[in-house]
Amino acid sequence: MDISTMSPPHSVEAEQAVLGGLMLDNESWDLIADRIKADDFFRAEHRLIFQSIAALAESNRPFDVVTVRT
């Protein structure tokens, strides 16, 4: 087994749960903003979603499925 070709441990479901939880409860952003960064996400699309949420949160705008998509 070549360790250089192995992907790091990750859970797509856990990433989805974090992002979904943030979109369901915008107030949870304050609890995780200094603990989780976009680079913590394994999947590129999850990093992009997190970056969108972060930008909206920093602008004091609501973030949900609609606002993150546009």
Foldseek 3Di string as FASTA:
>chain_A
DDPVPDDDDDDPVVLVVVLQVCLVPVVCCVVCVVPDALVVHDDPVSSLLVVLSVVCVVVVHHDHPVSSVD
